[in-house]
Amino acid sequence: MLARSKPRIPVGLLLVLAVAVLGWSAAAQAAQQSRTRVEFNGDAVPVSFNDGDSFRILGGTYSGAQVRLAGFNTLESHGPVHQWGTWSVREMYVLAKMAMYHGRRGAWHCESDGKTDTYGRLLAWCPDLAESLVRAGLAHVMSVDDSPGKPELVAAQREAQQARRGIWAHGVPPFVLTSLHSVEEDTTGEGTYNRLVSTEDGHSVKWKHDDRYQECAKICHMVYDADESKVDAVVAEVAADPKVASIVGNIAPEKLRQAILEFAKWRHSSRAIPAEQRIEFDRYLEGKAKAGAFGAQTPRSGSCMVHVPFERRYGGGRAACLR
């Protein structure tokens, strides 16, 4: 008699079931708050994971502290807000929750020098958790500046992308859009930006803008095909233009070409351009693009996010698109 093979449950059905499970009431989840053992600066302490890249310490020296884990980022877990490729926002929301449960199931080793981020959260580095999440495709490498991520994490991410694990199962956008800020949310007077994180090496890009976003609006980082011959023509023009000589004069030709190629593809210049001159240079190249110097380019969506103001993400007053 032939052995019967076990029926395979379609991935789509599994995600639907997971979404249903994630629909438990907030009260039920609070009642079942999970405690995870973490060795923090050498002391074993209980913590509660809020999502895959943050937790609250429930005992010991830092009891009560909210901790943001450095070196990587997981998708936002306050609602279905991420999308790229053929993923739906609901499916990516499930992946965000899976990252949180992955953190809860382990026993991790973390350290901190006591520094905090702009939100007052304690910054910590948990190498075993970071590599585990990234290798599983439940997190992506992230630094908060031009620096690439840690080599071991970049290697783990490359492996996950090649294997199409987790968030990479339906393609790899050039950047992950990790945060959105509408123009009225600028409280410092330094300008508004959205954060983009490279899926190649984890460096961050500040996408400067002066747009006002409506609640629940979907914002996408647009990607363009670039004609290399037209890029070369623009490079020659830029190198000879006295209007930008102070910006590009000390940049090696190959780095200048890379910066202009990246602008043609992503509408922002690369790390080859000094940080304090990028806005000016991007505006200059935007003029070139509008004049047709890069040819007729049709944009397509890369990574997208749904904009919800912070005060509308939690509790009874949550935005309709998060319910």
C-alpha atoms as a PDB file:
ATOM      1  CA  MET A   1       0.000   0.000   0.000  1.00  0.00           C
ATOM      2  CA  LEU A   2       1.293   3.412  -0.921  1.00  0.00           C
ATOM      3  CA  ALA A   3       1.975   5.738   1.988  1.00  0.00           C
ATOM      4  CA  ARG A   4      -0.231   8.767   2.017  1.00  0.00           C
ATOM      5  CA  SER A   5       1.588  12.065   1.866  1.00  0.00           C
ATOM      6  CA  LYS A   6       0.628  14.681   4.397  1.00  0.00           C
ATOM      7  CA  PRO A   7      -1.441  17.476   2.881  1.00  0.00           C
ATOM      8  CA  ARG A   8       0.442  20.757   2.605  1.00  0.00           C
ATOM      9  CA  ILE A   9      -1.274  23.876   3.916  1.00  0.00           C
ATOM     10  CA  PRO A  10      -0.871  26.802   1.487  1.00  0.00           C
ATOM     11  CA  VAL A  11       1.270  29.651   2.802  1.00  0.00           C
ATOM     12  CA  GLY A  12      -1.583  32.058   2.117  1.00  0.00           C
ATOM     13  CA  LEU A  13      -3.931  30.071   4.361  1.00  0.00           C
ATOM     14  CA  LEU A  14      -1.305  29.944   7.098  1.00  0.00           C
ATOM     15  CA  LEU A  15      -1.014  33.725   6.963  1.00  0.00           C
ATOM     16  CA  VAL A  16      -4.805  34.104   7.122  1.00  0.00           C
ATOM     17  CA  LEU A  17      -4.897  31.850  10.163  1.00  0.00           C
ATOM     18  CA  ALA A  18      -2.060  33.812  11.730  1.00  0.00           C
ATOM     19  CA  VAL A  19      -3.922  37.074  11.173  1.00  0.00           C
ATOM     20  CA  ALA A  20      -6.931  35.554  12.947  1.00  0.00           C
ATOM     21  CA  VAL A  21      -4.749  34.524  15.864  1.00  0.00           C
ATOM     22  CA  LEU A  22      -3.317  38.048  16.033  1.00  0.00           C
ATOM     23  CA  GLY A  23      -6.844  39.395  16.354  1.00  0.00           C
ATOM     24  CA  TRP A  24      -7.050  38.478  20.045  1.00  0.00           C
ATOM     25  CA  SER A  25      -8.230  41.311  22.248  1.00  0.00           C
ATOM     26  CA  ALA A  26      -5.664  43.630  23.808  1.00  0.00           C
ATOM     27  CA  ALA A  27      -6.909  42.586  27.237  1.00  0.00           C
ATOM     28  CA  ALA A  28      -6.213  38.909  26.531  1.00  0.00           C
ATOM     29  CA  GLN A  29      -2.720  39.685  25.284  1.00  0.00           C
ATOM     30  CA  ALA A  30      -1.950  41.831  28.336  1.00  0.00           C
ATOM     31  CA  ALA A  31      -3.156  39.080  30.643  1.00  0.00           C
ATOM     32  CA  GLN A  32      -0.765  36.661  28.965  1.00  0.00           C
ATOM     33  CA  GLN A  33       2.245  38.982  28.885  1.00  0.00           C
ATOM     34  CA  SER A  34       5.250  36.870  27.996  1.00  0.00           C
ATOM     35  CA  ARG A  35       8.453  37.086  29.983  1.00  0.00           C
ATOM     36  CA  THR A  36      11.740  36.222  28.314  1.00  0.00           C
ATOM     37  CA  ARG A  37      15.081  35.587  30.015  1.00  0.00           C
ATOM     38  CA  VAL A  38      17.835  37.921  28.834  1.00  0.00           C
ATOM     39  CA  GLU A  39      21.359  38.222  30.144  1.00  0.00           C
ATOM     40  CA  PHE A  40      21.745  42.003  30.312  1.00  0.00           C
ATOM     41  CA  ASN A  41      25.247  43.301  31.072  1.00  0.00           C
ATOM     42  CA  GLY A  42      25.960  39.953  32.707  1.00  0.00           C
ATOM     43  CA  ASP A  43      22.828  39.779  34.885  1.00  0.00           C
ATOM     44  CA  ALA A  44      19.899  37.485  34.099  1.00  0.00           C
ATOM     45  CA  VAL A  45      16.728  39.606  33.963  1.00  0.00           C
ATOM     46  CA  PRO A  46      13.144  39.082  32.771  1.00  0.00           C
ATOM     47  CA  VAL A  47      12.015  41.223  29.833  1.00  0.00           C
ATOM     48  CA  SER A  48       8.845  41.655  27.803  1.00  0.00           C
ATOM     49  CA  PHE A  49       9.224  42.057  24.023  1.00  0.00           C
ATOM     50  CA  ASN A  50       7.049  44.810  22.501  1.00  0.00           C
ATOM     51  CA  ASP A  51       8.132  43.804  19.002  1.00  0.00           C
ATOM     52  CA  GLY A  52      11.173  42.164  17.473  1.00  0.00           C
ATOM     53  CA  ASP A  53      13.601  45.004  18.125  1.00  0.00           C
ATOM     54  CA  SER A  54      12.558  46.375  21.520  1.00  0.00           C
ATOM     55  CA  PHE A  55      11.644  45.155  24.977  1.00  0.00           C
ATOM     56  CA  ARG A  56      10.942  46.409  28.485  1.00  0.00           C
ATOM     57  CA  ILE A  57      13.166  45.237  31.351  1.00  0.00           C
ATOM     58  CA  LEU A  58      11.073  43.856  34.227  1.00  0.00           C
ATOM     59  CA  GLY A  59      13.722  43.376  36.897  1.00  0.00           C
ATOM     60  CA  GLY A  60      17.255  44.169  38.024  1.00  0.00           C
ATOM     61  CA  THR A  61      19.244  47.403  37.802  1.00  0.00           C
ATOM     62  CA  TYR A  62      17.402  48.754  34.766  1.00  0.00           C
ATOM     63  CA  SER A  63      13.932  47.581  35.785  1.00  0.00           C
ATOM     64  CA  GLY A  64      11.243  49.530  33.922  1.00  0.00           C
ATOM     65  CA  ALA A  65      13.549  50.717  31.136  1.00  0.00           C
ATOM     66  CA  GLN A  66      12.345  50.480  27.564  1.00  0.00           C
ATOM     67  CA  VAL A  67      15.162  49.139  25.364  1.00  0.00           C
ATOM     68  CA  ARG A  68      15.763  49.662  21.632  1.00  0.00           C
ATOM     69  CA  LEU A  69      18.026  47.040  20.110  1.00  0.00           C
ATOM     70  CA  ALA A  70      20.750  48.348  17.792  1.00  0.00           C
ATOM     71  CA  GLY A  71      22.104  46.985  14.522  1.00  0.00           C
ATOM     72  CA  PHE A  72      18.849  45.750  13.019  1.00  0.00           C
ATOM     73  CA  ASN A  73      15.206  46.637  12.552  1.00  0.00           C
ATOM     74  CA  THR A  74      11.971  44.667  12.421  1.00  0.00           C
ATOM     75  CA  LEU A  75       8.747  45.736  10.757  1.00  0.00           C
ATOM     76  CA  GLU A  76       6.354  47.932  12.742  1.00  0.00           C
ATOM     77  CA  SER A  77       3.969  45.822  14.820  1.00  0.00           C
ATOM     78  CA  HIS A  78       1.358  48.467  15.704  1.00  0.00           C
ATOM     79  CA  GLY A  79      -0.633  47.580  12.596  1.00  0.00           C
ATOM     80  CA  PRO A  80      -0.573  46.601   8.906  1.00  0.00           C
ATOM     81  CA  VAL A  81       1.586  49.427   7.556  1.00  0.00           C
ATOM     82  CA  HIS A  82       4.401  47.853   5.470  1.00  0.00           C
ATOM     83  CA  GLN A  83       4.221  46.609   1.898  1.00  0.00           C
ATOM     84  CA  TRP A  84       6.480  45.726  -1.011  1.00  0.00           C
ATOM     85  CA  GLY A  85       6.559  43.224  -3.849  1.00  0.00           C
ATOM     86  CA  THR A  86       3.421  41.079  -3.866  1.00  0.00           C
ATOM     87  CA  TRP A  87       3.026  41.074  -0.078  1.00  0.00           C
ATOM     88  CA  SER A  88      -0.179  42.504   1.334  1.00  0.00           C
ATOM     89  CA  VAL A  89      -0.013  44.811   4.351  1.00  0.00           C
ATOM     90  CA  ARG A  90      -1.783  42.124   6.415  1.00  0.00           C
ATOM     91  CA  GLU A  91       0.801  39.493   5.508  1.00  0.00           C
ATOM     92  CA  MET A  92       3.661  41.808   6.435  1.00  0.00           C
ATOM     93  CA  TYR A  93       1.914  42.578   9.710  1.00  0.00           C
ATOM     94  CA  VAL A  94       2.004  38.860  10.477  1.00  0.00           C
ATOM     95  CA  LEU A  95       5.750  38.840   9.731  1.00  0.00           C
ATOM     96  CA  ALA A  96       6.202  41.748  12.153  1.00  0.00           C
ATOM     97  CA  LYS A  97       4.432  39.767  14.875  1.00  0.00           C
ATOM     98  CA  MET A  98       6.492  36.676  14.050  1.00  0.00           C
ATOM     99  CA  ALA A  99       9.633  38.705  14.813  1.00  0.00           C
ATOM    100  CA  MET A 100       8.213  39.590  18.223  1.00  0.00           C
ATOM    101  CA  TYR A 101       7.392  35.946  19.019  1.00  0.00           C
ATOM    102  CA  HIS A 102      10.855  34.906  17.809  1.00  0.00           C
ATOM    103  CA  GLY A 103      12.351  37.237  20.402  1.00  0.00           C
ATOM    104  CA  ARG A 104      10.072  35.924  23.137  1.00  0.00           C
ATOM    105  CA  ARG A 105      11.033  32.312  22.500  1.00  0.00           C
ATOM    106  CA  GLY A 106      14.789  32.695  22.984  1.00  0.00           C
ATOM    107  CA  ALA A 107      17.300  33.316  25.752  1.00  0.00           C
ATOM    108  CA  TRP A 108      19.499  36.164  24.591  1.00  0.00           C
ATOM    109  CA  HIS A 109      22.666  37.976  25.621  1.00  0.00           C
ATOM    110  CA  CYS A 110      22.633  41.777  25.550  1.00  0.00           C
ATOM    111  CA  GLU A 111      24.843  44.639  26.630  1.00  0.00           C
ATOM    112  CA  SER A 112      24.431  48.389  26.935  1.00  0.00           C
ATOM    113  CA  ASP A 113      26.641  51.339  27.840  1.00  0.00           C
ATOM    114  CA  GLY A 114      23.633  53.247  29.191  1.00  0.00           C
ATOM    115  CA  LYS A 115      23.173  55.561  26.202  1.00  0.00           C
ATOM    116  CA  THR A 116      19.651  56.354  25.009  1.00  0.00           C
ATOM    117  CA  ASP A 117      18.046  57.205  21.676  1.00  0.00           C
ATOM    118  CA  THR A 118      15.987  60.298  20.801  1.00  0.00           C
ATOM    119  CA  TYR A 119      12.903  58.677  22.366  1.00  0.00           C
ATOM    120  CA  GLY A 120      14.648  58.089  25.700  1.00  0.00           C
ATOM    121  CA  ARG A 121      14.964  54.330  25.161  1.00  0.00           C
ATOM    122  CA  LEU A 122      18.051  52.543  26.427  1.00  0.00           C
ATOM    123  CA  LEU A 123      20.209  51.348  23.519  1.00  0.00           C
ATOM    124  CA  ALA A 124      21.484  47.774  23.647  1.00  0.00           C
ATOM    125  CA  TRP A 125      23.301  45.294  21.429  1.00  0.00           C
ATOM    126  CA  CYS A 126      22.146  41.657  21.424  1.00  0.00           C
ATOM    127  CA  PRO A 127      24.354  39.851  18.870  1.00  0.00           C
ATOM    128  CA  ASP A 128      22.739  36.421  19.101  1.00  0.00           C
ATOM    129  CA  LEU A 129      19.195  37.808  18.752  1.00  0.00           C
ATOM    130  CA  ALA A 130      20.227  40.150  15.932  1.00  0.00           C
ATOM    131  CA  GLU A 131      21.821  37.397  13.848  1.00  0.00           C
ATOM    132  CA  SER A 132      18.994  34.947  14.563  1.00  0.00           C
ATOM    133  CA  LEU A 133      16.295  37.372  13.405  1.00  0.00           C
ATOM    134  CA  VAL A 134      18.218  38.568  10.349  1.00  0.00           C
ATOM    135  CA  ARG A 135      19.128  35.042   9.238  1.00  0.00           C
ATOM    136  CA  ALA A 136      15.465  34.007   9.575  1.00  0.00           C
ATOM    137  CA  GLY A 137      14.384  36.883   7.342  1.00  0.00           C
ATOM    138  CA  LEU A 138      12.378  38.485  10.151  1.00  0.00           C
ATOM    139  CA  ALA A 139      14.590  41.575  10.440  1.00  0.00           C
ATOM    140  CA  HIS A 140      16.880  43.637   8.260  1.00  0.00           C
ATOM    141  CA  VAL A 141      20.273  45.139   9.020  1.00  0.00           C
ATOM    142  CA  MET A 142      20.177  48.837   9.949  1.00  0.00           C
ATOM    143  CA  SER A 143      22.562  51.564  11.008  1.00  0.00           C
ATOM    144  CA  VAL A 144      21.277  55.080  11.700  1.00  0.00           C
ATOM    145  CA  ASP A 145      23.835  56.825   9.475  1.00  0.00           C
ATOM    146  CA  ASP A 146      25.996  56.298   6.371  1.00  0.00           C
ATOM    147  CA  SER A 147      27.876  53.398   7.944  1.00  0.00           C
ATOM    148  CA  PRO A 148      27.157  49.857   6.739  1.00  0.00           C
ATOM    149  CA  GLY A 149      25.848  47.329   9.240  1.00  0.00           C
ATOM    150  CA  LYS A 150      28.025  44.813  11.048  1.00  0.00           C
ATOM    151  CA  PRO A 151      29.655  42.439   8.508  1.00  0.00           C
ATOM    152  CA  GLU A 152      28.298  39.302  10.190  1.00  0.00           C
ATOM    153  CA  LEU A 153      24.747  40.663   9.986  1.00  0.00           C
ATOM    154  CA  VAL A 154      25.161  41.772   6.373  1.00  0.00           C
ATOM    155  CA  ALA A 155      26.343  38.240   5.510  1.00  0.00           C
ATOM    156  CA  ALA A 156      23.358  36.698   7.346  1.00  0.00           C
ATOM    157  CA  GLN A 157      20.977  39.033   5.511  1.00  0.00           C
ATOM    158  CA  ARG A 158      22.473  38.176   2.142  1.00  0.00           C
ATOM    159  CA  GLU A 159      21.942  34.487   2.907  1.00  0.00           C
ATOM    160  CA  ALA A 160      18.308  35.115   3.908  1.00  0.00           C
ATOM    161  CA  GLN A 161      17.679  37.124   0.738  1.00  0.00           C
ATOM    162  CA  GLN A 162      19.162  34.440  -1.490  1.00  0.00           C
ATOM    163  CA  ALA A 163      17.039  31.799   0.255  1.00  0.00           C
ATOM    164  CA  ARG A 164      13.950  34.085   0.023  1.00  0.00           C
ATOM    165  CA  ARG A 165      13.227  33.739   3.728  1.00  0.00           C
ATOM    166  CA  GLY A 166      10.665  35.752   5.631  1.00  0.00           C
ATOM    167  CA  ILE A 167      10.292  39.342   4.453  1.00  0.00           C
ATOM    168  CA  TRP A 168      12.393  38.582   1.339  1.00  0.00           C
ATOM    169  CA  ALA A 169      10.082  35.840   0.011  1.00  0.00           C
ATOM    170  CA  HIS A 170       8.482  38.178  -2.548  1.00  0.00           C
ATOM    171  CA  GLY A 171      11.516  40.141  -3.623  1.00  0.00           C
ATOM    172  CA  VAL A 172      14.092  42.551  -2.242  1.00  0.00           C
ATOM    173  CA  PRO A 173      13.459  46.289  -2.661  1.00  0.00           C
ATOM    174  CA  PRO A 174      16.600  48.452  -2.793  1.00  0.00           C
ATOM    175  CA  PHE A 175      15.532  50.197   0.427  1.00  0.00           C
ATOM    176  CA  VAL A 176      13.122  49.462   3.255  1.00  0.00           C
ATOM    177  CA  LEU A 177      11.013  52.449   4.287  1.00  0.00           C
ATOM    178  CA  THR A 178      11.149  52.267   8.083  1.00  0.00           C
ATOM    179  CA  SER A 179       9.561  55.528   9.238  1.00  0.00           C
ATOM    180  CA  LEU A 180       7.298  58.279   7.909  1.00  0.00           C
ATOM    181  CA  HIS A 181       6.981  61.825   9.206  1.00  0.00           C
ATOM    182  CA  SER A 182       4.501  64.381   7.898  1.00  0.00           C
ATOM    183  CA  VAL A 183       5.772  67.951   7.669  1.00  0.00           C
ATOM    184  CA  GLU A 184       3.773  69.119  10.710  1.00  0.00           C
ATOM    185  CA  GLU A 185       5.570  66.515  12.849  1.00  0.00           C
ATOM    186  CA  ASP A 186       8.850  68.431  12.663  1.00  0.00           C
ATOM    187  CA  THR A 187       9.222  69.791  16.177  1.00  0.00           C
ATOM    188  CA  THR A 188      12.913  70.721  15.927  1.00  0.00           C
ATOM    189  CA  GLY A 189      12.857  73.046  12.943  1.00  0.00           C
ATOM    190  CA  GLU A 190      15.527  70.917  11.255  1.00  0.00           C
ATOM    191  CA  GLY A 191      13.243  69.680   8.494  1.00  0.00           C
ATOM    192  CA  THR A 192      11.195  66.545   7.904  1.00  0.00           C
ATOM    193  CA  TYR A 193      12.499  63.255   6.616  1.00  0.00           C
ATOM    194  CA  ASN A 194      11.510  59.637   6.166  1.00  0.00           C
ATOM    195  CA  ARG A 195      14.077  56.934   6.867  1.00  0.00           C
ATOM    196  CA  LEU A 196      15.165  54.551   4.130  1.00  0.00           C
ATOM    197  CA  VAL A 197      17.480  51.635   4.931  1.00  0.00           C
ATOM    198  CA  SER A 198      19.605  49.929   2.293  1.00  0.00           C
ATOM    199  CA  THR A 199      18.857  46.234   1.826  1.00  0.00           C
ATOM    200  CA  GLU A 200      22.400  45.765   0.538  1.00  0.00           C
ATOM    201  CA  ASP A 201      24.429  46.871   3.559  1.00  0.00           C
ATOM    202  CA  GLY A 202      22.023  48.461   6.068  1.00  0.00           C
ATOM    203  CA  HIS A 203      23.095  52.114   5.829  1.00  0.00           C
ATOM    204  CA  SER A 204      20.379  54.741   6.325  1.00  0.00           C
ATOM    205  CA  VAL A 205      19.241  57.529   4.036  1.00  0.00           C
ATOM    206  CA  LYS A 206      17.248  60.535   5.192  1.00  0.00           C
ATOM    207  CA  TRP A 207      14.564  61.132   2.562  1.00  0.00           C
ATOM    208  CA  LYS A 208      14.037  64.867   3.054  1.00  0.00           C
ATOM    209  CA  HIS A 209      10.665  66.310   2.098  1.00  0.00           C
ATOM    210  CA  ASP A 210       8.076  68.979   2.931  1.00  0.00           C
ATOM    211  CA  ASP A 211       4.933  66.915   2.289  1.00  0.00           C
ATOM    212  CA  ARG A 212       1.881  66.794   4.522  1.00  0.00           C
ATOM    213  CA  TYR A 213       0.548  63.228   4.788  1.00  0.00           C
ATOM    214  CA  GLN A 214      -3.074  62.344   5.450  1.00  0.00           C
ATOM    215  CA  GLU A 215      -3.821  59.674   8.045  1.00  0.00           C
ATOM    216  CA  CYS A 216      -3.733  56.180   6.504  1.00  0.00           C
ATOM    217  CA  ALA A 217      -2.145  57.453   3.262  1.00  0.00           C
ATOM    218  CA  LYS A 218       0.203  54.942   1.630  1.00  0.00           C
ATOM    219  CA  ILE A 219       3.599  56.470   0.843  1.00  0.00           C
ATOM    220  CA  CYS A 220       6.044  54.642  -1.417  1.00  0.00           C
ATOM    221  CA  HIS A 221       9.710  55.045  -2.225  1.00  0.00           C
ATOM    222  CA  MET A 222       9.773  55.122  -6.010  1.00  0.00           C
ATOM    223  CA  VAL A 223      12.337  53.243  -8.103  1.00  0.00           C
ATOM    224  CA  TYR A 224      13.347  54.094 -11.681  1.00  0.00           C
ATOM    225  CA  ASP A 225      15.126  52.231 -14.466  1.00  0.00           C
ATOM    226  CA  ALA A 226      18.315  54.050 -15.429  1.00  0.00           C
ATOM    227  CA  ASP A 227      19.783  54.294 -18.944  1.00  0.00           C
ATOM    228  CA  GLU A 228      23.527  53.959 -18.342  1.00  0.00           C
ATOM    229  CA  SER A 229      24.454  55.938 -21.470  1.00  0.00           C
ATOM    230  CA  LYS A 230      22.301  58.877 -20.362  1.00  0.00           C
ATOM    231  CA  VAL A 231      23.798  58.661 -16.872  1.00  0.00           C
ATOM    232  CA  ASP A 232      27.280  58.908 -18.426  1.00  0.00           C
ATOM    233  CA  ALA A 233      26.202  62.006 -20.350  1.00  0.00           C
ATOM    234  CA  VAL A 234      24.903  63.616 -17.139  1.00  0.00           C
ATOM    235  CA  VAL A 235      28.155  62.764 -15.348  1.00  0.00           C
ATOM    236  CA  ALA A 236      30.139  64.603 -18.034  1.00  0.00           C
ATOM    237  CA  GLU A 237      27.842  67.641 -17.760  1.00  0.00           C
ATOM    238  CA  VAL A 238      28.030  67.711 -13.969  1.00  0.00           C
ATOM    239  CA  ALA A 239      31.811  67.375 -13.876  1.00  0.00           C
ATOM    240  CA  ALA A 240      32.134  70.432 -16.148  1.00  0.00           C
ATOM    241  CA  ASP A 241      29.452  72.586 -14.500  1.00  0.00           C
ATOM    242  CA  PRO A 242      30.949  75.387 -12.350  1.00  0.00           C
ATOM    243  CA  LYS A 243      27.655  75.658 -10.395  1.00  0.00           C
ATOM    244  CA  VAL A 244      28.456  72.430  -8.540  1.00  0.00           C
ATOM    245  CA  ALA A 245      32.240  72.516  -8.650  1.00  0.00           C
ATOM    246  CA  SER A 246      32.391  73.097  -4.892  1.00  0.00           C
ATOM    247  CA  ILE A 247      30.419  69.891  -4.356  1.00  0.00           C
ATOM    248  CA  VAL A 248      31.923  67.501  -6.883  1.00  0.00           C
ATOM    249  CA  GLY A 249      35.412  68.957  -7.338  1.00  0.00           C
ATOM    250  CA  ASN A 250      37.097  66.596  -4.881  1.00  0.00           C
ATOM    251  CA  ILE A 251      35.075  63.476  -5.714  1.00  0.00           C
ATOM    252  CA  ALA A 252      36.746  60.725  -7.723  1.00  0.00           C
ATOM    253  CA  PRO A 253      35.127  60.203 -11.166  1.00  0.00           C
ATOM    254  CA  GLU A 254      33.933  56.667 -10.388  1.00  0.00           C
ATOM    255  CA  LYS A 255      32.320  57.812  -7.127  1.00  0.00           C
ATOM    256  CA  LEU A 256      30.646  60.751  -8.865  1.00  0.00           C
ATOM    257  CA  ARG A 257      29.222  58.383 -11.467  1.00  0.00           C
ATOM    258  CA  GLN A 258      27.945  56.069  -8.739  1.00  0.00           C
ATOM    259  CA  ALA A 259      26.277  58.994  -6.951  1.00  0.00           C
ATOM    260  CA  ILE A 260      24.530  60.157 -10.127  1.00  0.00           C
ATOM    261  CA  LEU A 261      23.519  56.598 -11.088  1.00  0.00           C
ATOM    262  CA  GLU A 262      21.967  56.125  -7.647  1.00  0.00           C
ATOM    263  CA  PHE A 263      20.074  59.395  -8.003  1.00  0.00           C
ATOM    264  CA  ALA A 264      18.792  58.287 -11.418  1.00  0.00           C
ATOM    265  CA  LYS A 265      17.491  55.056  -9.860  1.00  0.00           C
ATOM    266  CA  TRP A 266      16.309  56.263  -6.440  1.00  0.00           C
ATOM    267  CA  ARG A 267      16.145  60.083  -6.509  1.00  0.00           C
ATOM    268  CA  HIS A 268      18.676  60.576  -3.761  1.00  0.00           C
ATOM    269  CA  SER A 269      22.456  60.795  -3.983  1.00  0.00           C
ATOM    270  CA  SER A 270      24.938  58.476  -2.375  1.00  0.00           C
ATOM    271  CA  ARG A 271      27.383  58.648   0.511  1.00  0.00           C
ATOM    272  CA  ALA A 272      30.001  59.943  -1.936  1.00  0.00           C
ATOM    273  CA  ILE A 273      28.434  63.397  -1.581  1.00  0.00           C
ATOM    274  CA  PRO A 274      29.227  65.192   1.719  1.00  0.00           C
ATOM    275  CA  ALA A 275      26.189  65.028   4.035  1.00  0.00           C
ATOM    276  CA  GLU A 276      25.866  68.799   4.351  1.00  0.00           C
ATOM    277  CA  GLN A 277      25.716  69.186   0.540  1.00  0.00           C
ATOM    278  CA  ARG A 278      23.342  66.374  -0.387  1.00  0.00           C
ATOM    279  CA  ILE A 279      20.131  68.407  -0.356  1.00  0.00           C
ATOM    280  CA  GLU A 280      21.658  71.034  -2.665  1.00  0.00           C
ATOM    281  CA  PHE A 281      23.074  68.370  -4.988  1.00  0.00           C
ATOM    282  CA  ASP A 282      19.818  66.399  -5.062  1.00  0.00           C
ATOM    283  CA  ARG A 283      17.894  69.543  -6.037  1.00  0.00           C
ATOM    284  CA  TYR A 284      20.415  70.189  -8.797  1.00  0.00           C
ATOM    285  CA  LEU A 285      20.015  66.652 -10.153  1.00  0.00           C
ATOM    286  CA  GLU A 286      16.224  66.871  -9.783  1.00  0.00           C
ATOM    287  CA  GLY A 287      16.367  69.764 -12.227  1.00  0.00           C
ATOM    288  CA  LYS A 288      18.291  67.553 -14.628  1.00  0.00           C
ATOM    289  CA  ALA A 289      15.706  64.786 -14.254  1.00  0.00           C
ATOM    290  CA  LYS A 290      12.771  67.150 -14.879  1.00  0.00           C
ATOM    291  CA  ALA A 291      14.541  68.439 -17.984  1.00  0.00           C
ATOM    292  CA  GLY A 292      14.716  64.860 -19.320  1.00  0.00           C
ATOM    293  CA  ALA A 293      18.456  64.344 -18.923  1.00  0.00           C
ATOM    294  CA  PHE A 294      17.901  60.774 -17.678  1.00  0.00           C
ATOM    295  CA  GLY A 295      15.357  60.026 -20.404  1.00  0.00           C
ATOM    296  CA  ALA A 296      11.703  59.091 -20.019  1.00  0.00           C
ATOM    297  CA  GLN A 297      11.656  57.213 -16.717  1.00  0.00           C
ATOM    298  CA  THR A 298       8.534  55.483 -15.434  1.00  0.00           C
ATOM    299  CA  PRO A 299       8.566  55.108 -11.639  1.00  0.00           C
ATOM    300  CA  ARG A 300       7.447  51.953  -9.854  1.00  0.00           C
ATOM    301  CA  SER A 301       6.834  51.330  -6.178  1.00  0.00           C
ATOM    302  CA  GLY A 302       9.656  49.995  -4.054  1.00  0.00           C
ATOM    303  CA  SER A 303       9.004  49.813  -0.317  1.00  0.00           C
ATOM    304  CA  CYS A 304       5.790  51.419   0.995  1.00  0.00           C
ATOM    305  CA  MET A 305       4.360  52.400   4.381  1.00  0.00           C
ATOM    306  CA  VAL A 306       0.991  53.588   5.625  1.00  0.00           C
ATOM    307  CA  HIS A 307       1.247  56.869   7.521  1.00  0.00           C
ATOM    308  CA  VAL A 308      -0.374  56.985  10.965  1.00  0.00           C
ATOM    309  CA  PRO A 309       0.542  59.698  13.510  1.00  0.00           C
ATOM    310  CA  PHE A 310       2.048  58.262  16.695  1.00  0.00           C
ATOM    311  CA  GLU A 311      -0.902  59.299  18.881  1.00  0.00           C
ATOM    312  CA  ARG A 312      -3.276  57.331  16.608  1.00  0.00           C
ATOM    313  CA  ARG A 313      -1.367  54.032  16.683  1.00  0.00           C
ATOM    314  CA  TYR A 314      -2.505  52.622  20.017  1.00  0.00           C
ATOM    315  CA  GLY A 315      -5.511  52.369  22.314  1.00  0.00           C
ATOM    316  CA  GLY A 316      -9.178  53.047  21.612  1.00  0.00           C
ATOM    317  CA  GLY A 317      -8.409  55.969  19.327  1.00  0.00           C
ATOM    318  CA  ARG A 318      -6.448  53.939  16.789  1.00  0.00           C
ATOM    319  CA  ALA A 319      -6.695  54.928  13.145  1.00  0.00           C
ATOM    320  CA  ALA A 320      -9.266  52.992  11.117  1.00  0.00           C
ATOM    321  CA  CYS A 321      -6.597  51.419   8.885  1.00  0.00           C
ATOM    322  CA  LEU A 322      -4.985  49.751  11.926  1.00  0.00           C
ATOM    323  CA  ARG A 323      -8.115  48.022  13.199  1.00  0.00           C
END
